[in-house]
Amino acid sequence: MTDRPDTGRDDAEQRRSDAAMTVPDLEAWFIREVLPLEHALMQFFHRSLRNRADADDLCQDVYVRVCEAAQKELPRPAGPFVFAVARNLLINRVRRDQIVSIEAVADLDTLGIALDEAGPDRSVMARQELRRLQGALDQLPRRCREAVVMRKLEGLSYREISARMGISEDTVSEYLTNGMYALADFLHGEQAGSKS
C-alpha cells in the first residue's frame, strides 16, 4: 500500500463522507462543489426546455435531489452527478408532458389511470366527442386521413409528411386543407344539417 501525502482536507472530507453528513458540512460542500455549476446547469435547461420558466423549478429540484443523495454519500466528482440528476429530471418531465394520441384515449377505461373529472356526464360527453372525431377521420379518403393524422396528431412538418408519403409538399397542403374542411363539415355541419 502506497502512502499518500497528507493533505488534511482530502482525508477530512473522506471521513465526513463516510460518516453521516452534518448540515454545516453539507452546506459547505454544496456551496463549494454544486453552486459553481448553476450557470452551466441553467444553460443546459434553457437549451432543452420549451418553457424557460421551468428551468428555475428544475434547477431547484436538482439541488434537492443532489442534497438528499449527498446526505447519504458525497458524490465524487459532483459535476457529472449533478448533470446526471438534471438529465434524469428532464427526461421525466418530457415523459410526463407527452401528448397522448386520440387512439390511446378513445377508450379511457383501458388507460387504467385515475382521472380528475367533474362527473360521469363529462366523461360520457368527452367519449362521445372522441368517437365523433374518430368517425369523422374514418370518413376521410385514406391518403388525406394519413396526412391529417401525421400533421395534427403526430405533429410532423409538411416536409416530413411529404417524405413519408412520397408526395410533394403542395399535395400535402392540399390533403390537409381538404381534410380539415371535411372534418369541420362533418363535425359542425352535421349539427346544422340535422336542424333543417
N, C-alpha and C. Protein backbone atom coordinates (compact mmCIF):
# COMPACT_ATOMS: atom_id res chain seq x y z
N MET A 1 0.85 -1.17 0.00
CA MET A 1 0.00 0.00 0.00
C MET A 1 0.89 1.22 0.00
N THR A 2 0.64 2.13 -0.94
CA THR A 2 1.47 3.33 -1.01
C THR A 2 0.90 4.41 -0.12
N ASP A 3 1.78 5.19 0.43
CA ASP A 3 1.35 6.29 1.29
C ASP A 3 1.03 7.50 0.44
N ARG A 4 -0.09 8.12 0.73
CA ARG A 4 -0.43 9.36 0.06
C ARG A 4 0.02 10.51 0.92
N PRO A 5 0.40 11.62 0.29
CA PRO A 5 0.76 12.77 1.11
C PRO A 5 -0.47 13.22 1.89
N ASP A 6 -0.27 13.61 3.12
CA ASP A 6 -1.36 14.04 3.98
C ASP A 6 -1.73 15.48 3.63
N THR A 7 -2.85 15.61 2.95
CA THR A 7 -3.29 16.95 2.57
C THR A 7 -4.23 17.54 3.60
N GLY A 8 -4.67 16.76 4.53
CA GLY A 8 -5.56 17.27 5.57
C GLY A 8 -6.99 17.39 5.07
N ARG A 9 -7.19 18.19 4.07
CA ARG A 9 -8.53 18.45 3.56
C ARG A 9 -9.15 17.20 2.94
N ASP A 10 -8.40 16.47 2.10
CA ASP A 10 -8.94 15.28 1.46
C ASP A 10 -9.33 14.22 2.49
N ASP A 11 -8.46 13.99 3.47
CA ASP A 11 -8.77 13.00 4.49
C ASP A 11 -9.98 13.41 5.32
N ALA A 12 -10.04 14.67 5.66
CA ALA A 12 -11.17 15.14 6.47
C ALA A 12 -12.47 15.01 5.68
N GLU A 13 -12.42 15.36 4.40
CA GLU A 13 -13.63 15.22 3.58
C GLU A 13 -14.01 13.76 3.44
N GLN A 14 -13.04 12.88 3.26
CA GLN A 14 -13.33 11.47 3.13
C GLN A 14 -13.97 10.92 4.40
N ARG A 15 -13.45 11.32 5.54
CA ARG A 15 -14.04 10.86 6.81
C ARG A 15 -15.47 11.37 6.95
N ARG A 16 -15.71 12.64 6.53
CA ARG A 16 -17.05 13.19 6.64
C ARG A 16 -18.00 12.47 5.68
N SER A 17 -17.51 12.11 4.50
CA SER A 17 -18.40 11.43 3.56
C SER A 17 -18.71 10.02 4.02
N ASP A 18 -17.78 9.41 4.77
CA ASP A 18 -18.02 8.07 5.27
C ASP A 18 -19.00 8.08 6.43
N ALA A 19 -19.00 9.16 7.20
CA ALA A 19 -19.93 9.29 8.32
C ALA A 19 -21.15 10.07 7.81
N ALA A 20 -22.15 10.20 8.66
CA ALA A 20 -23.33 10.98 8.28
C ALA A 20 -22.92 12.45 8.13
N MET A 21 -23.39 13.07 7.06
CA MET A 21 -23.06 14.47 6.80
C MET A 21 -23.83 15.35 7.78
N THR A 22 -23.13 16.31 8.36
CA THR A 22 -23.80 17.29 9.19
C THR A 22 -24.30 18.40 8.28
N VAL A 23 -25.24 19.16 8.75
CA VAL A 23 -25.81 20.23 7.93
C VAL A 23 -24.75 21.26 7.54
N PRO A 24 -23.89 21.72 8.46
CA PRO A 24 -22.86 22.68 8.04
C PRO A 24 -21.89 22.08 7.01
N ASP A 25 -21.53 20.80 7.16
CA ASP A 25 -20.65 20.16 6.19
C ASP A 25 -21.33 20.07 4.82
N LEU A 26 -22.60 19.70 4.82
CA LEU A 26 -23.35 19.60 3.58
C LEU A 26 -23.46 20.96 2.91
N GLU A 27 -23.74 21.99 3.68
CA GLU A 27 -23.84 23.34 3.12
C GLU A 27 -22.51 23.78 2.53
N ALA A 28 -21.42 23.52 3.24
CA ALA A 28 -20.10 23.91 2.73
C ALA A 28 -19.78 23.16 1.44
N TRP A 29 -20.05 21.87 1.41
CA TRP A 29 -19.82 21.08 0.19
C TRP A 29 -20.67 21.60 -0.95
N PHE A 30 -21.95 21.89 -0.67
CA PHE A 30 -22.87 22.36 -1.70
C PHE A 30 -22.38 23.68 -2.29
N ILE A 31 -21.98 24.60 -1.45
CA ILE A 31 -21.50 25.91 -1.91
C ILE A 31 -20.23 25.76 -2.72
N ARG A 32 -19.35 24.89 -2.29
CA ARG A 32 -18.06 24.72 -2.95
C ARG A 32 -18.15 23.91 -4.25
N GLU A 33 -18.97 22.86 -4.27
CA GLU A 33 -18.98 21.93 -5.39
C GLU A 33 -20.16 22.08 -6.36
N VAL A 34 -21.34 22.43 -5.84
CA VAL A 34 -22.54 22.40 -6.68
C VAL A 34 -22.93 23.79 -7.20
N LEU A 35 -22.93 24.79 -6.34
CA LEU A 35 -23.35 26.12 -6.78
C LEU A 35 -22.54 26.68 -7.95
N PRO A 36 -21.22 26.42 -8.04
CA PRO A 36 -20.50 26.92 -9.21
C PRO A 36 -21.00 26.33 -10.54
N LEU A 37 -21.76 25.26 -10.49
CA LEU A 37 -22.29 24.62 -11.70
C LEU A 37 -23.63 25.22 -12.14
N GLU A 38 -24.16 26.16 -11.36
CA GLU A 38 -25.51 26.67 -11.64
C GLU A 38 -25.63 27.30 -13.02
N HIS A 39 -24.66 28.08 -13.43
CA HIS A 39 -24.73 28.74 -14.74
C HIS A 39 -24.80 27.69 -15.86
N ALA A 40 -23.94 26.71 -15.82
CA ALA A 40 -23.95 25.65 -16.84
C ALA A 40 -25.24 24.84 -16.77
N LEU A 41 -25.74 24.61 -15.57
CA LEU A 41 -26.97 23.86 -15.38
C LEU A 41 -28.16 24.61 -16.00
N MET A 42 -28.22 25.92 -15.76
CA MET A 42 -29.30 26.72 -16.32
C MET A 42 -29.21 26.77 -17.85
N GLN A 43 -28.00 26.86 -18.39
CA GLN A 43 -27.83 26.82 -19.84
C GLN A 43 -28.34 25.50 -20.41
N PHE A 44 -28.02 24.41 -19.73
CA PHE A 44 -28.49 23.09 -20.14
C PHE A 44 -30.01 23.05 -20.19
N PHE A 45 -30.67 23.56 -19.14
CA PHE A 45 -32.13 23.56 -19.10
C PHE A 45 -32.72 24.49 -20.16
N HIS A 46 -32.13 25.65 -20.35
CA HIS A 46 -32.67 26.59 -21.35
C HIS A 46 -32.58 26.02 -22.76
N ARG A 47 -31.54 25.25 -23.04
CA ARG A 47 -31.42 24.62 -24.36
C ARG A 47 -32.42 23.48 -24.53
N SER A 48 -32.80 22.87 -23.44
CA SER A 48 -33.60 21.65 -23.51
C SER A 48 -35.09 21.85 -23.31
N LEU A 49 -35.50 22.96 -22.74
CA LEU A 49 -36.91 23.16 -22.40
C LEU A 49 -37.59 24.11 -23.36
N ARG A 50 -38.83 23.83 -23.65
CA ARG A 50 -39.63 24.77 -24.45
C ARG A 50 -39.99 25.99 -23.61
N ASN A 51 -40.40 25.74 -22.38
CA ASN A 51 -40.81 26.81 -21.47
C ASN A 51 -39.65 27.13 -20.54
N ARG A 52 -39.02 28.27 -20.76
CA ARG A 52 -37.83 28.62 -19.98
C ARG A 52 -38.15 28.89 -18.52
N ALA A 53 -39.38 29.17 -18.20
CA ALA A 53 -39.74 29.41 -16.80
C ALA A 53 -39.58 28.13 -15.97
N ASP A 54 -39.65 26.98 -16.63
CA ASP A 54 -39.49 25.71 -15.93
C ASP A 54 -38.05 25.46 -15.49
N ALA A 55 -37.10 26.17 -16.07
CA ALA A 55 -35.69 25.94 -15.76
C ALA A 55 -35.39 26.19 -14.29
N ASP A 56 -35.94 27.26 -13.72
CA ASP A 56 -35.70 27.55 -12.30
C ASP A 56 -36.25 26.43 -11.41
N ASP A 57 -37.45 25.97 -11.73
CA ASP A 57 -38.05 24.89 -10.94
C ASP A 57 -37.22 23.61 -11.02
N LEU A 58 -36.80 23.26 -12.23
CA LEU A 58 -36.00 22.05 -12.39
C LEU A 58 -34.65 22.18 -11.69
N CYS A 59 -34.06 23.37 -11.73
CA CYS A 59 -32.78 23.59 -11.06
C CYS A 59 -32.93 23.35 -9.55
N GLN A 60 -34.02 23.85 -8.99
CA GLN A 60 -34.26 23.63 -7.55
C GLN A 60 -34.49 22.15 -7.26
N ASP A 61 -35.19 21.47 -8.16
CA ASP A 61 -35.40 20.03 -7.98
C ASP A 61 -34.07 19.28 -8.02
N VAL A 62 -33.16 19.71 -8.89
CA VAL A 62 -31.83 19.09 -8.96
C VAL A 62 -31.12 19.29 -7.62
N TYR A 63 -31.16 20.52 -7.10
CA TYR A 63 -30.49 20.80 -5.83
C TYR A 63 -31.03 19.92 -4.70
N VAL A 64 -32.35 19.74 -4.67
CA VAL A 64 -32.95 18.92 -3.62
C VAL A 64 -32.46 17.48 -3.75
N ARG A 65 -32.49 16.93 -4.95
CA ARG A 65 -32.08 15.54 -5.15
C ARG A 65 -30.59 15.35 -4.84
N VAL A 66 -29.78 16.31 -5.26
CA VAL A 66 -28.34 16.22 -5.01
C VAL A 66 -28.06 16.26 -3.51
N CYS A 67 -28.75 17.16 -2.80
CA CYS A 67 -28.54 17.25 -1.34
C CYS A 67 -29.01 15.99 -0.63
N GLU A 68 -30.13 15.43 -1.07
CA GLU A 68 -30.61 14.19 -0.47
C GLU A 68 -29.60 13.07 -0.66
N ALA A 69 -29.04 12.99 -1.86
CA ALA A 69 -28.03 11.96 -2.12
C ALA A 69 -26.76 12.21 -1.33
N ALA A 70 -26.36 13.47 -1.21
CA ALA A 70 -25.12 13.81 -0.50
C ALA A 70 -25.23 13.54 0.99
N GLN A 71 -26.43 13.54 1.53
CA GLN A 71 -26.59 13.21 2.95
C GLN A 71 -26.22 11.76 3.21
N LYS A 72 -26.40 10.91 2.21
CA LYS A 72 -26.06 9.50 2.36
C LYS A 72 -24.60 9.26 2.02
N GLU A 73 -24.17 9.84 0.89
CA GLU A 73 -22.79 9.67 0.45
C GLU A 73 -22.47 10.79 -0.54
N LEU A 74 -21.33 11.44 -0.33
CA LEU A 74 -20.95 12.53 -1.22
C LEU A 74 -20.65 12.00 -2.61
N PRO A 75 -21.30 12.56 -3.62
CA PRO A 75 -20.96 12.15 -4.98
C PRO A 75 -19.61 12.72 -5.39
N ARG A 76 -18.73 11.87 -5.88
CA ARG A 76 -17.40 12.32 -6.30
C ARG A 76 -17.17 11.86 -7.72
N PRO A 77 -16.89 12.71 -8.65
CA PRO A 77 -16.96 14.17 -8.56
C PRO A 77 -18.40 14.64 -8.63
N ALA A 78 -18.64 15.85 -8.18
CA ALA A 78 -20.00 16.37 -8.07
C ALA A 78 -20.60 16.71 -9.44
N GLY A 79 -19.81 17.27 -10.34
CA GLY A 79 -20.31 17.76 -11.62
C GLY A 79 -21.07 16.72 -12.42
N PRO A 80 -20.47 15.58 -12.75
CA PRO A 80 -21.20 14.57 -13.52
C PRO A 80 -22.46 14.08 -12.83
N PHE A 81 -22.42 14.00 -11.50
CA PHE A 81 -23.59 13.56 -10.76
C PHE A 81 -24.73 14.58 -10.89
N VAL A 82 -24.39 15.87 -10.75
CA VAL A 82 -25.39 16.93 -10.85
C VAL A 82 -26.05 16.90 -12.23
N PHE A 83 -25.25 16.75 -13.28
CA PHE A 83 -25.82 16.75 -14.62
C PHE A 83 -26.57 15.46 -14.94
N ALA A 84 -26.19 14.37 -14.31
CA ALA A 84 -26.96 13.13 -14.48
C ALA A 84 -28.34 13.28 -13.84
N VAL A 85 -28.38 13.90 -12.66
CA VAL A 85 -29.66 14.15 -12.00
C VAL A 85 -30.51 15.09 -12.87
N ALA A 86 -29.88 16.14 -13.41
CA ALA A 86 -30.60 17.10 -14.26
C ALA A 86 -31.16 16.41 -15.49
N ARG A 87 -30.36 15.57 -16.12
CA ARG A 87 -30.82 14.86 -17.32
C ARG A 87 -32.00 13.95 -16.99
N ASN A 88 -31.90 13.23 -15.88
CA ASN A 88 -32.98 12.32 -15.49
C ASN A 88 -34.27 13.07 -15.17
N LEU A 89 -34.16 14.21 -14.49
CA LEU A 89 -35.35 15.02 -14.21
C LEU A 89 -35.96 15.55 -15.50
N LEU A 90 -35.12 15.94 -16.43
CA LEU A 90 -35.60 16.44 -17.71
C LEU A 90 -36.31 15.34 -18.49
N ILE A 91 -35.75 14.15 -18.48
CA ILE A 91 -36.39 13.01 -19.16
C ILE A 91 -37.76 12.72 -18.53
N ASN A 92 -37.81 12.74 -17.20
CA ASN A 92 -39.09 12.51 -16.52
C ASN A 92 -40.11 13.58 -16.87
N ARG A 93 -39.67 14.83 -16.97
CA ARG A 93 -40.57 15.93 -17.33
C ARG A 93 -41.11 15.73 -18.74
N VAL A 94 -40.24 15.35 -19.66
CA VAL A 94 -40.67 15.15 -21.05
C VAL A 94 -41.66 13.99 -21.12
N ARG A 95 -41.39 12.92 -20.41
CA ARG A 95 -42.32 11.77 -20.41
C ARG A 95 -43.68 12.18 -19.86
N ARG A 96 -43.66 12.96 -18.80
CA ARG A 96 -44.92 13.38 -18.18
C ARG A 96 -45.70 14.32 -19.09
N ASP A 97 -45.01 15.13 -19.86
CA ASP A 97 -45.66 16.11 -20.72
C ASP A 97 -46.05 15.57 -22.09
N GLN A 98 -45.76 14.29 -22.37
CA GLN A 98 -46.08 13.73 -23.68
C GLN A 98 -47.58 13.81 -23.93
N ILE A 99 -47.92 14.12 -25.16
CA ILE A 99 -49.32 14.18 -25.56
C ILE A 99 -49.78 12.78 -25.92
N VAL A 100 -50.94 12.40 -25.43
CA VAL A 100 -51.50 11.09 -25.71
C VAL A 100 -52.33 11.18 -26.98
N SER A 101 -52.14 10.23 -27.87
CA SER A 101 -52.84 10.27 -29.16
C SER A 101 -54.32 9.96 -28.97
N ILE A 102 -55.10 10.33 -29.97
CA ILE A 102 -56.55 10.08 -29.94
C ILE A 102 -56.84 8.60 -29.82
N GLU A 103 -56.09 7.76 -30.54
CA GLU A 103 -56.33 6.33 -30.49
C GLU A 103 -56.16 5.79 -29.06
N ALA A 104 -55.19 6.37 -28.31
CA ALA A 104 -54.92 5.88 -26.97
C ALA A 104 -56.02 6.26 -25.99
N VAL A 105 -56.70 7.38 -26.23
CA VAL A 105 -57.73 7.80 -25.29
C VAL A 105 -59.15 7.54 -25.80
N ALA A 106 -59.27 6.88 -26.93
CA ALA A 106 -60.60 6.60 -27.46
C ALA A 106 -61.42 5.80 -26.46
N ASP A 107 -60.77 4.88 -25.76
CA ASP A 107 -61.43 4.15 -24.70
C ASP A 107 -60.69 4.44 -23.41
N LEU A 108 -61.14 5.43 -22.67
CA LEU A 108 -60.44 5.91 -21.47
C LEU A 108 -60.33 4.84 -20.39
N ASP A 109 -61.25 3.89 -20.36
CA ASP A 109 -61.19 2.85 -19.34
C ASP A 109 -59.95 1.98 -19.47
N THR A 110 -59.43 1.82 -20.68
CA THR A 110 -58.28 0.95 -20.88
C THR A 110 -56.98 1.57 -20.38
N LEU A 111 -56.99 2.88 -20.12
CA LEU A 111 -55.76 3.52 -19.64
C LEU A 111 -55.40 3.08 -18.22
N GLY A 112 -56.40 2.79 -17.42
CA GLY A 112 -56.12 2.30 -16.07
C GLY A 112 -55.54 3.36 -15.15
N ILE A 113 -55.86 4.63 -15.39
CA ILE A 113 -55.38 5.68 -14.50
C ILE A 113 -56.58 6.43 -13.96
N ALA A 114 -56.41 6.98 -12.77
CA ALA A 114 -57.49 7.76 -12.17
C ALA A 114 -57.57 9.11 -12.87
N LEU A 115 -58.76 9.47 -13.28
CA LEU A 115 -58.96 10.74 -13.97
C LEU A 115 -59.55 11.75 -13.00
N ASP A 116 -59.10 13.00 -13.14
CA ASP A 116 -59.65 14.08 -12.34
C ASP A 116 -60.82 14.65 -13.12
N GLU A 117 -62.01 14.17 -12.84
CA GLU A 117 -63.16 14.57 -13.62
C GLU A 117 -64.21 15.23 -12.75
N ALA A 118 -65.04 16.04 -13.41
CA ALA A 118 -66.11 16.73 -12.70
C ALA A 118 -67.26 15.76 -12.40
N GLY A 119 -67.45 14.77 -13.26
CA GLY A 119 -68.53 13.82 -13.04
C GLY A 119 -68.66 12.88 -14.21
N PRO A 120 -69.52 11.88 -14.07
CA PRO A 120 -69.68 10.90 -15.14
C PRO A 120 -70.24 11.49 -16.42
N ASP A 121 -71.08 12.52 -16.31
CA ASP A 121 -71.64 13.12 -17.52
C ASP A 121 -70.56 13.76 -18.39
N ARG A 122 -69.57 14.37 -17.76
CA ARG A 122 -68.46 14.98 -18.50
C ARG A 122 -67.65 13.91 -19.22
N SER A 123 -67.43 12.80 -18.56
CA SER A 123 -66.69 11.70 -19.15
C SER A 123 -67.44 11.13 -20.36
N VAL A 124 -68.74 10.97 -20.23
CA VAL A 124 -69.55 10.44 -21.33
C VAL A 124 -69.50 11.40 -22.51
N MET A 125 -69.61 12.70 -22.25
CA MET A 125 -69.57 13.69 -23.33
C MET A 125 -68.21 13.68 -24.03
N ALA A 126 -67.13 13.58 -23.26
CA ALA A 126 -65.80 13.55 -23.85
C ALA A 126 -65.63 12.31 -24.74
N ARG A 127 -66.10 11.18 -24.28
CA ARG A 127 -66.01 9.96 -25.07
C ARG A 127 -66.82 10.07 -26.36
N GLN A 128 -68.00 10.68 -26.26
CA GLN A 128 -68.82 10.86 -27.45
C GLN A 128 -68.11 11.77 -28.46
N GLU A 129 -67.48 12.84 -27.97
CA GLU A 129 -66.75 13.74 -28.86
C GLU A 129 -65.58 13.03 -29.53
N LEU A 130 -64.86 12.22 -28.77
CA LEU A 130 -63.75 11.46 -29.35
C LEU A 130 -64.25 10.48 -30.41
N ARG A 131 -65.38 9.84 -30.14
CA ARG A 131 -65.94 8.90 -31.12
C ARG A 131 -66.39 9.64 -32.37
N ARG A 132 -66.98 10.81 -32.19
CA ARG A 132 -67.39 11.61 -33.36
C ARG A 132 -66.16 12.00 -34.18
N LEU A 133 -65.10 12.42 -33.50
CA LEU A 133 -63.88 12.80 -34.21
C LEU A 133 -63.29 11.60 -34.94
N GLN A 134 -63.25 10.45 -34.27
CA GLN A 134 -62.74 9.24 -34.92
C GLN A 134 -63.60 8.88 -36.12
N GLY A 135 -64.92 9.02 -35.97
CA GLY A 135 -65.83 8.76 -37.09
C GLY A 135 -65.58 9.71 -38.25
N ALA A 136 -65.34 10.96 -37.93
CA ALA A 136 -65.06 11.95 -38.97
C ALA A 136 -63.75 11.63 -39.68
N LEU A 137 -62.73 11.25 -38.91
CA LEU A 137 -61.45 10.86 -39.52
C LEU A 137 -61.63 9.65 -40.43
N ASP A 138 -62.45 8.71 -39.99
CA ASP A 138 -62.68 7.50 -40.78
C ASP A 138 -63.37 7.80 -42.10
N GLN A 139 -64.12 8.91 -42.18
CA GLN A 139 -64.83 9.29 -43.40
C GLN A 139 -63.91 9.89 -44.46
N LEU A 140 -62.70 10.34 -44.03
CA LEU A 140 -61.78 10.96 -44.98
C LEU A 140 -61.17 9.92 -45.91
N PRO A 141 -60.83 10.31 -47.14
CA PRO A 141 -60.08 9.39 -48.00
C PRO A 141 -58.77 8.98 -47.31
N ARG A 142 -58.31 7.78 -47.57
CA ARG A 142 -57.16 7.20 -46.85
C ARG A 142 -55.95 8.12 -46.84
N ARG A 143 -55.51 8.61 -47.99
CA ARG A 143 -54.29 9.44 -48.07
C ARG A 143 -54.49 10.77 -47.35
N CYS A 144 -55.67 11.33 -47.48
CA CYS A 144 -55.99 12.58 -46.82
C CYS A 144 -55.96 12.38 -45.29
N ARG A 145 -56.57 11.27 -44.83
CA ARG A 145 -56.58 10.94 -43.41
C ARG A 145 -55.15 10.77 -42.88
N GLU A 146 -54.30 10.07 -43.65
CA GLU A 146 -52.91 9.88 -43.23
C GLU A 146 -52.21 11.21 -43.03
N ALA A 147 -52.40 12.14 -43.97
CA ALA A 147 -51.76 13.45 -43.88
C ALA A 147 -52.26 14.23 -42.66
N VAL A 148 -53.57 14.21 -42.42
CA VAL A 148 -54.14 14.92 -41.28
C VAL A 148 -53.63 14.33 -39.97
N VAL A 149 -53.61 13.01 -39.87
CA VAL A 149 -53.13 12.37 -38.64
C VAL A 149 -51.66 12.70 -38.40
N MET A 150 -50.84 12.64 -39.45
CA MET A 150 -49.42 12.94 -39.30
C MET A 150 -49.19 14.40 -38.87
N ARG A 151 -49.98 15.29 -39.41
CA ARG A 151 -49.79 16.71 -39.10
C ARG A 151 -50.40 17.08 -37.75
N LYS A 152 -51.65 16.76 -37.55
CA LYS A 152 -52.39 17.24 -36.38
C LYS A 152 -52.19 16.39 -35.13
N LEU A 153 -51.95 15.11 -35.30
CA LEU A 153 -51.79 14.26 -34.13
C LEU A 153 -50.33 13.94 -33.82
N GLU A 154 -49.54 13.72 -34.87
CA GLU A 154 -48.13 13.38 -34.66
C GLU A 154 -47.24 14.62 -34.69
N GLY A 155 -47.75 15.74 -35.19
CA GLY A 155 -47.00 16.99 -35.19
C GLY A 155 -45.89 17.07 -36.22
N LEU A 156 -45.99 16.29 -37.30
CA LEU A 156 -44.94 16.31 -38.32
C LEU A 156 -45.06 17.54 -39.20
N SER A 157 -43.94 17.98 -39.75
CA SER A 157 -43.94 19.12 -40.67
C SER A 157 -44.41 18.67 -42.05
N TYR A 158 -44.70 19.64 -42.91
CA TYR A 158 -45.10 19.33 -44.28
C TYR A 158 -44.01 18.51 -44.97
N ARG A 159 -42.76 18.90 -44.75
CA ARG A 159 -41.63 18.21 -45.38
C ARG A 159 -41.55 16.76 -44.92
N GLU A 160 -41.75 16.53 -43.61
CA GLU A 160 -41.69 15.16 -43.09
C GLU A 160 -42.84 14.31 -43.64
N ILE A 161 -44.02 14.91 -43.73
CA ILE A 161 -45.17 14.18 -44.28
C ILE A 161 -44.91 13.86 -45.75
N SER A 162 -44.38 14.83 -46.47
CA SER A 162 -44.06 14.65 -47.89
C SER A 162 -43.11 13.47 -48.08
N ALA A 163 -42.08 13.42 -47.24
CA ALA A 163 -41.09 12.33 -47.35
C ALA A 163 -41.73 10.98 -47.01
N ARG A 164 -42.52 10.93 -45.96
CA ARG A 164 -43.14 9.67 -45.56
C ARG A 164 -44.13 9.14 -46.59
N MET A 165 -44.90 10.06 -47.17
CA MET A 165 -45.95 9.64 -48.09
C MET A 165 -45.47 9.57 -49.54
N GLY A 166 -44.29 10.11 -49.82
CA GLY A 166 -43.76 10.10 -51.17
C GLY A 166 -44.52 11.01 -52.11
N ILE A 167 -44.96 12.17 -51.59
CA ILE A 167 -45.70 13.14 -52.39
C ILE A 167 -45.07 14.52 -52.20
N SER A 168 -45.47 15.48 -53.01
CA SER A 168 -44.92 16.83 -52.89
C SER A 168 -45.54 17.55 -51.69
N GLU A 169 -44.86 18.60 -51.25
CA GLU A 169 -45.40 19.39 -50.14
C GLU A 169 -46.69 20.10 -50.55
N ASP A 170 -46.81 20.45 -51.83
CA ASP A 170 -48.06 21.06 -52.31
C ASP A 170 -49.22 20.09 -52.18
N THR A 171 -48.96 18.82 -52.48
CA THR A 171 -50.01 17.80 -52.34
C THR A 171 -50.36 17.60 -50.87
N VAL A 172 -49.34 17.64 -50.01
CA VAL A 172 -49.59 17.55 -48.56
C VAL A 172 -50.51 18.69 -48.14
N SER A 173 -50.19 19.90 -48.59
CA SER A 173 -51.01 21.07 -48.25
C SER A 173 -52.45 20.89 -48.74
N GLU A 174 -52.61 20.36 -49.94
CA GLU A 174 -53.94 20.13 -50.50
C GLU A 174 -54.70 19.10 -49.67
N TYR A 175 -54.03 17.99 -49.31
CA TYR A 175 -54.67 16.98 -48.48
C TYR A 175 -55.11 17.56 -47.13
N LEU A 176 -54.23 18.35 -46.53
CA LEU A 176 -54.55 18.92 -45.21
C LEU A 176 -55.71 19.91 -45.30
N THR A 177 -55.69 20.75 -46.32
CA THR A 177 -56.78 21.72 -46.48
C THR A 177 -58.10 20.99 -46.69
N ASN A 178 -58.12 20.07 -47.63
CA ASN A 178 -59.35 19.31 -47.90
C ASN A 178 -59.79 18.52 -46.68
N GLY A 179 -58.83 17.91 -45.99
CA GLY A 179 -59.16 17.11 -44.81
C GLY A 179 -59.74 17.94 -43.69
N MET A 180 -59.16 19.10 -43.42
CA MET A 180 -59.66 19.94 -42.34
C MET A 180 -61.05 20.48 -42.66
N TYR A 181 -61.28 20.88 -43.93
CA TYR A 181 -62.61 21.33 -44.31
C TYR A 181 -63.63 20.19 -44.17
N ALA A 182 -63.25 19.00 -44.59
CA ALA A 182 -64.16 17.86 -44.49
C ALA A 182 -64.47 17.54 -43.03
N LEU A 183 -63.45 17.60 -42.16
CA LEU A 183 -63.68 17.36 -40.73
C LEU A 183 -64.61 18.42 -40.15
N ALA A 184 -64.36 19.68 -40.49
CA ALA A 184 -65.22 20.75 -39.99
C ALA A 184 -66.65 20.57 -40.46
N ASP A 185 -66.81 20.22 -41.73
CA ASP A 185 -68.16 19.99 -42.26
C ASP A 185 -68.84 18.83 -41.53
N PHE A 186 -68.09 17.77 -41.32
CA PHE A 186 -68.67 16.59 -40.67
C PHE A 186 -69.04 16.90 -39.23
N LEU A 187 -68.12 17.55 -38.49
CA LEU A 187 -68.34 17.79 -37.06
C LEU A 187 -69.33 18.93 -36.79
N HIS A 188 -69.24 19.98 -37.58
CA HIS A 188 -70.09 21.14 -37.31
C HIS A 188 -71.26 21.23 -38.28
N GLY A 189 -71.06 20.80 -39.50
CA GLY A 189 -72.12 20.83 -40.49
C GLY A 189 -73.20 19.81 -40.20
N GLU A 190 -72.80 18.73 -39.53
CA GLU A 190 -73.74 17.66 -39.19
C GLU A 190 -74.85 18.21 -38.30
N GLN A 191 -74.47 19.05 -37.34
CA GLN A 191 -75.46 19.62 -36.43
C GLN A 191 -76.36 20.60 -37.17
N ALA A 192 -75.73 21.44 -38.03
CA ALA A 192 -76.52 22.42 -38.78
C ALA A 192 -77.44 21.71 -39.76
N GLY A 193 -76.94 20.64 -40.40
CA GLY A 193 -77.73 19.90 -41.37
C GLY A 193 -78.89 19.17 -40.74
N SER A 194 -78.74 18.73 -39.50
CA SER A 194 -79.82 17.97 -38.87
C SER A 194 -80.97 18.86 -38.43
N LYS A 195 -80.74 20.19 -38.34
CA LYS A 195 -81.79 21.11 -37.92
C LYS A 195 -82.70 21.48 -39.07
N SER A 196 -82.25 21.36 -40.32
CA SER A 196 -83.08 21.79 -41.44
C SER A 196 -83.99 20.71 -41.93
